Amino acid sequence: MSDVAPRLSIGEAAERTGLSVHTLRFYEREGLLASPIQRDPGGRRVYHQDDVDWITVCVILRASGMPLPAIRRYTELVRAGGGNETERLVLLREHRERVVDQMDQLRKCLDLINFKAGMYEDVLDQLAVPPATSADADR
């Protein structure tokens, strides 16, 4: 077995992360990557599994609503190495609080949607059942 980590093209990295090639380049320009992306002799970007793993963290943080400046700050702290774990924790706890608040709001929205949908289902159920006639009562 080889000790050499597999090298991925930008297209392969995009496929593994679910991002577009354009977005990967944007993340790199915005300073969101934990380590510089290497280049091959032809100048093409070369990604490794560590890069894909970090990008996946960024994707999840972004999908959870974390603003790009906060992701950039978190990346800077990681890049700086040990000794700033307290600041990283504060950043993540603040974001967690925002996510929990968003989830509470979404639960309230879902409750209202379920209530309204139930009302319409009841109305449609009543319309679908023909009213009982005296002939039906004789059966």
N, C-alpha and C. Protein backbone atom coordinates (compact mmCIF):
# COMPACT_ATOMS: atom_id res chain seq x y z
N MET A 1 0.85 -1.18 0.00
CA MET A 1 0.00 0.00 0.00
C MET A 1 0.89 1.23 0.00
N SER A 2 0.47 2.24 -0.74
CA SER A 2 1.25 3.45 -0.88
C SER A 2 0.99 4.41 0.27
N ASP A 3 2.04 5.09 0.72
CA ASP A 3 1.90 6.10 1.76
C ASP A 3 1.57 7.46 1.17
N VAL A 4 1.54 7.56 -0.14
CA VAL A 4 1.28 8.82 -0.81
C VAL A 4 -0.23 9.07 -0.81
N ALA A 5 -0.62 10.24 -0.29
CA ALA A 5 -2.04 10.60 -0.27
C ALA A 5 -2.51 10.84 -1.69
N PRO A 6 -3.73 10.39 -1.99
CA PRO A 6 -4.23 10.61 -3.35
C PRO A 6 -4.35 12.10 -3.66
N ARG A 7 -3.99 12.42 -4.87
CA ARG A 7 -4.07 13.81 -5.34
C ARG A 7 -5.35 13.95 -6.14
N LEU A 8 -6.08 15.00 -5.85
CA LEU A 8 -7.35 15.22 -6.52
C LEU A 8 -7.31 16.50 -7.34
N SER A 9 -7.90 16.44 -8.52
CA SER A 9 -8.04 17.65 -9.33
C SER A 9 -9.14 18.51 -8.71
N ILE A 10 -9.25 19.72 -9.17
CA ILE A 10 -10.29 20.60 -8.64
C ILE A 10 -11.68 20.03 -8.96
N GLY A 11 -11.81 19.39 -10.11
CA GLY A 11 -13.09 18.76 -10.46
C GLY A 11 -13.44 17.62 -9.53
N GLU A 12 -12.44 16.81 -9.18
CA GLU A 12 -12.68 15.71 -8.24
C GLU A 12 -13.00 16.24 -6.84
N ALA A 13 -12.29 17.29 -6.43
CA ALA A 13 -12.58 17.90 -5.13
C ALA A 13 -13.99 18.48 -5.13
N ALA A 14 -14.39 19.09 -6.22
CA ALA A 14 -15.74 19.65 -6.32
C ALA A 14 -16.77 18.53 -6.19
N GLU A 15 -16.52 17.43 -6.86
CA GLU A 15 -17.45 16.30 -6.81
C GLU A 15 -17.56 15.75 -5.38
N ARG A 16 -16.44 15.63 -4.70
CA ARG A 16 -16.45 15.07 -3.33
C ARG A 16 -17.09 16.00 -2.31
N THR A 17 -17.00 17.31 -2.54
CA THR A 17 -17.53 18.27 -1.57
C THR A 17 -18.94 18.73 -1.92
N GLY A 18 -19.36 18.48 -3.15
CA GLY A 18 -20.67 18.95 -3.58
C GLY A 18 -20.67 20.42 -3.98
N LEU A 19 -19.51 21.02 -4.06
CA LEU A 19 -19.39 22.42 -4.48
C LEU A 19 -19.00 22.48 -5.95
N SER A 20 -19.22 23.62 -6.53
CA SER A 20 -18.77 23.81 -7.91
C SER A 20 -17.29 24.18 -7.91
N VAL A 21 -16.66 24.03 -9.04
CA VAL A 21 -15.26 24.43 -9.21
C VAL A 21 -15.14 25.92 -8.90
N HIS A 22 -16.09 26.70 -9.38
CA HIS A 22 -16.10 28.15 -9.13
C HIS A 22 -16.13 28.43 -7.62
N THR A 23 -16.95 27.70 -6.88
CA THR A 23 -17.06 27.93 -5.44
C THR A 23 -15.77 27.53 -4.72
N LEU A 24 -15.14 26.46 -5.16
CA LEU A 24 -13.85 26.08 -4.56
C LEU A 24 -12.82 27.19 -4.74
N ARG A 25 -12.79 27.76 -5.93
CA ARG A 25 -11.85 28.86 -6.17
C ARG A 25 -12.21 30.06 -5.29
N PHE A 26 -13.51 30.33 -5.16
CA PHE A 26 -13.98 31.42 -4.30
C PHE A 26 -13.55 31.19 -2.86
N TYR A 27 -13.75 29.98 -2.34
CA TYR A 27 -13.34 29.66 -0.96
C TYR A 27 -11.85 29.91 -0.78
N GLU A 28 -11.07 29.54 -1.78
CA GLU A 28 -9.62 29.74 -1.69
C GLU A 28 -9.30 31.24 -1.66
N ARG A 29 -9.92 32.02 -2.56
CA ARG A 29 -9.67 33.47 -2.59
C ARG A 29 -10.10 34.14 -1.30
N GLU A 30 -11.16 33.66 -0.69
CA GLU A 30 -11.71 34.26 0.52
C GLU A 30 -10.97 33.84 1.79
N GLY A 31 -9.98 32.99 1.66
CA GLY A 31 -9.19 32.58 2.82
C GLY A 31 -9.91 31.61 3.73
N LEU A 32 -10.75 30.77 3.14
CA LEU A 32 -11.54 29.82 3.94
C LEU A 32 -10.91 28.44 4.04
N LEU A 33 -9.76 28.25 3.43
CA LEU A 33 -9.12 26.94 3.46
C LEU A 33 -8.03 26.91 4.52
N ALA A 34 -7.97 25.80 5.24
CA ALA A 34 -7.07 25.69 6.38
C ALA A 34 -5.61 25.67 5.96
N SER A 35 -5.34 25.20 4.76
CA SER A 35 -3.96 25.20 4.28
C SER A 35 -3.96 25.57 2.80
N PRO A 36 -2.85 26.12 2.34
CA PRO A 36 -2.79 26.52 0.93
C PRO A 36 -2.96 25.30 0.01
N ILE A 37 -3.67 25.50 -1.06
CA ILE A 37 -3.85 24.42 -2.04
C ILE A 37 -2.57 24.34 -2.87
N GLN A 38 -2.06 23.14 -2.95
CA GLN A 38 -0.83 22.93 -3.71
C GLN A 38 -1.13 23.02 -5.21
N ARG A 39 -0.10 23.22 -5.98
CA ARG A 39 -0.20 23.27 -7.44
C ARG A 39 0.74 22.23 -8.04
N ASP A 40 0.31 21.65 -9.15
CA ASP A 40 1.19 20.72 -9.86
C ASP A 40 2.13 21.52 -10.75
N PRO A 41 3.09 20.87 -11.43
CA PRO A 41 4.04 21.62 -12.26
C PRO A 41 3.37 22.47 -13.35
N GLY A 42 2.14 22.07 -13.75
CA GLY A 42 1.41 22.84 -14.75
C GLY A 42 0.60 23.98 -14.16
N GLY A 43 0.67 24.15 -12.84
CA GLY A 43 -0.05 25.24 -12.18
C GLY A 43 -1.48 24.90 -11.79
N ARG A 44 -1.89 23.65 -12.01
CA ARG A 44 -3.25 23.23 -11.66
C ARG A 44 -3.33 22.91 -10.17
N ARG A 45 -4.46 23.24 -9.58
CA ARG A 45 -4.66 22.97 -8.15
C ARG A 45 -4.67 21.47 -7.90
N VAL A 46 -4.07 21.10 -6.77
CA VAL A 46 -4.04 19.69 -6.35
C VAL A 46 -4.59 19.65 -4.93
N TYR A 47 -5.67 18.90 -4.76
CA TYR A 47 -6.31 18.77 -3.45
C TYR A 47 -5.98 17.41 -2.85
N HIS A 48 -6.00 17.36 -1.53
CA HIS A 48 -5.80 16.12 -0.80
C HIS A 48 -7.02 15.89 0.09
N GLN A 49 -7.09 14.72 0.71
CA GLN A 49 -8.25 14.40 1.53
C GLN A 49 -8.41 15.39 2.69
N ASP A 50 -7.31 15.85 3.27
CA ASP A 50 -7.40 16.85 4.34
C ASP A 50 -8.10 18.12 3.85
N ASP A 51 -7.81 18.52 2.62
CA ASP A 51 -8.46 19.70 2.03
C ASP A 51 -9.96 19.45 1.89
N VAL A 52 -10.31 18.28 1.38
CA VAL A 52 -11.72 17.92 1.20
C VAL A 52 -12.43 17.89 2.55
N ASP A 53 -11.77 17.32 3.55
CA ASP A 53 -12.37 17.26 4.89
C ASP A 53 -12.62 18.66 5.44
N TRP A 54 -11.66 19.57 5.28
CA TRP A 54 -11.83 20.93 5.78
C TRP A 54 -12.93 21.65 5.00
N ILE A 55 -12.95 21.49 3.70
CA ILE A 55 -13.99 22.13 2.89
C ILE A 55 -15.36 21.62 3.32
N THR A 56 -15.46 20.35 3.66
CA THR A 56 -16.73 19.79 4.12
C THR A 56 -17.17 20.47 5.43
N VAL A 57 -16.23 20.74 6.32
CA VAL A 57 -16.56 21.48 7.55
C VAL A 57 -17.11 22.85 7.17
N CYS A 58 -16.45 23.53 6.25
CA CYS A 58 -16.90 24.86 5.81
C CYS A 58 -18.28 24.80 5.19
N VAL A 59 -18.54 23.78 4.39
CA VAL A 59 -19.85 23.62 3.76
C VAL A 59 -20.93 23.46 4.82
N ILE A 60 -20.66 22.66 5.83
CA ILE A 60 -21.64 22.45 6.89
C ILE A 60 -21.86 23.73 7.69
N LEU A 61 -20.78 24.42 8.02
CA LEU A 61 -20.93 25.68 8.75
C LEU A 61 -21.72 26.69 7.92
N ARG A 62 -21.44 26.76 6.64
CA ARG A 62 -22.16 27.69 5.75
C ARG A 62 -23.63 27.30 5.64
N ALA A 63 -23.90 26.00 5.49
CA ALA A 63 -25.28 25.53 5.37
C ALA A 63 -26.06 25.81 6.65
N SER A 64 -25.37 25.88 7.77
CA SER A 64 -26.02 26.16 9.05
C SER A 64 -26.24 27.66 9.25
N GLY A 65 -25.81 28.46 8.29
CA GLY A 65 -26.04 29.89 8.35
C GLY A 65 -24.88 30.70 8.87
N MET A 66 -23.73 30.07 9.09
CA MET A 66 -22.58 30.85 9.58
C MET A 66 -22.12 31.79 8.46
N PRO A 67 -21.98 33.07 8.77
CA PRO A 67 -21.52 34.02 7.75
C PRO A 67 -20.07 33.74 7.33
N LEU A 68 -19.74 34.10 6.11
CA LEU A 68 -18.38 33.88 5.62
C LEU A 68 -17.31 34.53 6.49
N PRO A 69 -17.52 35.75 7.00
CA PRO A 69 -16.47 36.32 7.87
C PRO A 69 -16.21 35.48 9.12
N ALA A 70 -17.25 34.85 9.66
CA ALA A 70 -17.07 34.00 10.84
C ALA A 70 -16.34 32.72 10.46
N ILE A 71 -16.65 32.17 9.29
CA ILE A 71 -15.92 30.97 8.84
C ILE A 71 -14.46 31.33 8.59
N ARG A 72 -14.23 32.50 8.01
CA ARG A 72 -12.86 32.95 7.76
C ARG A 72 -12.11 33.09 9.09
N ARG A 73 -12.76 33.67 10.08
CA ARG A 73 -12.12 33.84 11.39
C ARG A 73 -11.79 32.49 12.01
N TYR A 74 -12.74 31.58 11.94
CA TYR A 74 -12.52 30.23 12.47
C TYR A 74 -11.33 29.58 11.75
N THR A 75 -11.28 29.73 10.44
CA THR A 75 -10.18 29.18 9.64
C THR A 75 -8.85 29.79 10.07
N GLU A 76 -8.84 31.09 10.28
CA GLU A 76 -7.61 31.77 10.73
C GLU A 76 -7.14 31.20 12.07
N LEU A 77 -8.08 30.97 12.96
CA LEU A 77 -7.72 30.42 14.27
C LEU A 77 -7.15 29.01 14.13
N VAL A 78 -7.76 28.20 13.29
CA VAL A 78 -7.26 26.83 13.07
C VAL A 78 -5.87 26.90 12.45
N ARG A 79 -5.72 27.77 11.47
CA ARG A 79 -4.43 27.90 10.79
C ARG A 79 -3.33 28.34 11.76
N ALA A 80 -3.69 29.14 12.75
CA ALA A 80 -2.71 29.64 13.71
C ALA A 80 -2.21 28.55 14.65
N GLY A 81 -2.93 27.45 14.73
CA GLY A 81 -2.50 26.35 15.57
C GLY A 81 -3.03 26.47 17.00
N GLY A 82 -2.45 25.70 17.88
CA GLY A 82 -2.91 25.63 19.26
C GLY A 82 -2.74 26.94 20.01
N GLY A 83 -3.47 27.03 21.13
CA GLY A 83 -3.37 28.20 21.98
C GLY A 83 -4.55 29.15 21.84
N ASN A 84 -5.42 28.92 20.84
CA ASN A 84 -6.57 29.80 20.67
C ASN A 84 -7.89 29.02 20.75
N GLU A 85 -7.84 27.89 21.43
CA GLU A 85 -9.01 27.03 21.51
C GLU A 85 -10.20 27.72 22.18
N THR A 86 -9.92 28.59 23.15
CA THR A 86 -11.00 29.32 23.83
C THR A 86 -11.75 30.19 22.83
N GLU A 87 -11.02 30.89 21.98
CA GLU A 87 -11.66 31.75 20.98
C GLU A 87 -12.45 30.92 19.97
N ARG A 88 -11.91 29.78 19.58
CA ARG A 88 -12.65 28.89 18.66
C ARG A 88 -13.95 28.44 19.30
N LEU A 89 -13.86 28.06 20.58
CA LEU A 89 -15.04 27.58 21.30
C LEU A 89 -16.09 28.67 21.41
N VAL A 90 -15.68 29.89 21.71
CA VAL A 90 -16.62 31.00 21.80
C VAL A 90 -17.32 31.20 20.46
N LEU A 91 -16.57 31.20 19.39
CA LEU A 91 -17.13 31.38 18.06
C LEU A 91 -18.16 30.29 17.76
N LEU A 92 -17.82 29.05 18.05
CA LEU A 92 -18.74 27.94 17.76
C LEU A 92 -19.95 27.96 18.68
N ARG A 93 -19.78 28.32 19.94
CA ARG A 93 -20.93 28.40 20.85
C ARG A 93 -21.90 29.49 20.41
N GLU A 94 -21.37 30.63 20.00
CA GLU A 94 -22.24 31.72 19.53
C GLU A 94 -23.03 31.27 18.31
N HIS A 95 -22.36 30.57 17.41
CA HIS A 95 -23.06 30.10 16.22
C HIS A 95 -24.09 29.03 16.58
N ARG A 96 -23.73 28.15 17.50
CA ARG A 96 -24.67 27.13 17.94
C ARG A 96 -25.95 27.77 18.48
N GLU A 97 -25.79 28.85 19.24
CA GLU A 97 -26.95 29.55 19.79
C GLU A 97 -27.84 30.09 18.65
N ARG A 98 -27.22 30.64 17.62
CA ARG A 98 -28.00 31.14 16.47
C ARG A 98 -28.72 29.99 15.77
N VAL A 99 -28.05 28.85 15.63
CA VAL A 99 -28.67 27.70 14.97
C VAL A 99 -29.86 27.19 15.79
N VAL A 100 -29.70 27.11 17.09
CA VAL A 100 -30.80 26.66 17.97
C VAL A 100 -31.98 27.63 17.85
N ASP A 101 -31.71 28.93 17.81
CA ASP A 101 -32.78 29.92 17.64
C ASP A 101 -33.49 29.72 16.29
N GLN A 102 -32.71 29.48 15.24
CA GLN A 102 -33.30 29.23 13.91
C GLN A 102 -34.17 27.98 13.94
N MET A 103 -33.70 26.95 14.61
CA MET A 103 -34.47 25.71 14.70
C MET A 103 -35.78 25.94 15.44
N ASP A 104 -35.75 26.73 16.51
CA ASP A 104 -36.98 27.06 17.24
C ASP A 104 -37.95 27.80 16.33
N GLN A 105 -37.44 28.77 15.59
CA GLN A 105 -38.30 29.51 14.66
C GLN A 105 -38.88 28.59 13.59
N LEU A 106 -38.06 27.71 13.07
CA LEU A 106 -38.54 26.77 12.04
C LEU A 106 -39.58 25.81 12.61
N ARG A 107 -39.42 25.39 13.87
CA ARG A 107 -40.43 24.53 14.50
C ARG A 107 -41.77 25.26 14.60
N LYS A 108 -41.73 26.53 14.97
CA LYS A 108 -42.95 27.33 15.04
C LYS A 108 -43.59 27.45 13.66
N CYS A 109 -42.79 27.67 12.67
CA CYS A 109 -43.30 27.76 11.29
C CYS A 109 -43.93 26.43 10.88
N LEU A 110 -43.26 25.34 11.19
CA LEU A 110 -43.78 24.02 10.83
C LEU A 110 -45.08 23.73 11.57
N ASP A 111 -45.17 24.13 12.82
CA ASP A 111 -46.42 23.94 13.57
C ASP A 111 -47.57 24.67 12.88
N LEU A 112 -47.35 25.90 12.47
CA LEU A 112 -48.39 26.66 11.79
C LEU A 112 -48.76 26.01 10.46
N ILE A 113 -47.76 25.60 9.70
CA ILE A 113 -48.02 24.95 8.41
C ILE A 113 -48.81 23.66 8.61
N ASN A 114 -48.43 22.86 9.59
CA ASN A 114 -49.16 21.62 9.87
C ASN A 114 -50.60 21.91 10.29
N PHE A 115 -50.80 22.94 11.11
CA PHE A 115 -52.15 23.32 11.54
C PHE A 115 -53.00 23.72 10.34
N LYS A 116 -52.47 24.59 9.49
CA LYS A 116 -53.22 25.06 8.32
C LYS A 116 -53.49 23.90 7.35
N ALA A 117 -52.50 23.05 7.12
CA ALA A 117 -52.69 21.90 6.23
C ALA A 117 -53.77 20.99 6.79
N GLY A 118 -53.77 20.78 8.11
CA GLY A 118 -54.79 19.95 8.74
C GLY A 118 -56.18 20.52 8.53
N MET A 119 -56.31 21.84 8.61
CA MET A 119 -57.60 22.48 8.39
C MET A 119 -58.10 22.19 6.96
N TYR A 120 -57.21 22.33 5.98
CA TYR A 120 -57.62 22.09 4.60
C TYR A 120 -57.91 20.61 4.35
N GLU A 121 -57.16 19.74 5.00
CA GLU A 121 -57.44 18.31 4.86
C GLU A 121 -58.82 17.98 5.42
N ASP A 122 -59.18 18.59 6.57
CA ASP A 122 -60.50 18.38 7.15
C ASP A 122 -61.60 18.87 6.21
N VAL A 123 -61.41 20.06 5.63
CA VAL A 123 -62.39 20.61 4.70
C VAL A 123 -62.55 19.68 3.49
N LEU A 124 -61.45 19.25 2.93
CA LEU A 124 -61.51 18.38 1.75
C LEU A 124 -62.11 17.02 2.09
N ASP A 125 -61.81 16.50 3.28
CA ASP A 125 -62.42 15.23 3.70
C ASP A 125 -63.93 15.36 3.80
N GLN A 126 -64.41 16.48 4.32
CA GLN A 126 -65.85 16.70 4.45
C GLN A 126 -66.51 16.84 3.08
N LEU A 127 -65.80 17.45 2.14
CA LEU A 127 -66.35 17.61 0.80
C LEU A 127 -66.37 16.28 0.05
N ALA A 128 -65.44 15.39 0.35
CA ALA A 128 -65.34 14.12 -0.36
C ALA A 128 -66.37 13.11 0.11
N VAL A 129 -66.90 13.25 1.31
CA VAL A 129 -67.88 12.31 1.84
C VAL A 129 -69.27 12.85 1.53
N PRO A 130 -70.03 12.11 0.69
CA PRO A 130 -71.36 12.61 0.39
C PRO A 130 -72.24 12.56 1.65
N PRO A 131 -73.10 13.53 1.79
CA PRO A 131 -73.96 13.53 2.98
C PRO A 131 -74.88 12.32 2.98
N ALA A 132 -75.18 11.84 4.17
CA ALA A 132 -76.07 10.69 4.32
C ALA A 132 -77.47 11.06 3.87
N THR A 133 -78.11 10.15 3.12
CA THR A 133 -79.50 10.38 2.70
C THR A 133 -80.40 9.44 3.48
N SER A 134 -81.69 9.64 3.38
CA SER A 134 -82.63 8.76 4.10
C SER A 134 -82.54 7.36 3.56
N ALA A 135 -82.20 7.18 2.28
CA ALA A 135 -82.06 5.84 1.70
C ALA A 135 -80.87 5.12 2.34
N ASP A 136 -79.81 5.86 2.64
CA ASP A 136 -78.65 5.25 3.28
C ASP A 136 -79.00 4.81 4.70
N ALA A 137 -79.84 5.56 5.35
CA ALA A 137 -80.21 5.23 6.73
C ALA A 137 -81.00 3.93 6.80
N ASP A 138 -81.74 3.58 5.69
CA ASP A 138 -82.57 2.37 5.67
C ASP A 138 -81.73 1.13 5.49
N ARG A 139 -80.51 1.24 5.11
CA ARG A 139 -79.69 0.05 4.84
C ARG A 139 -79.16 -0.56 6.07
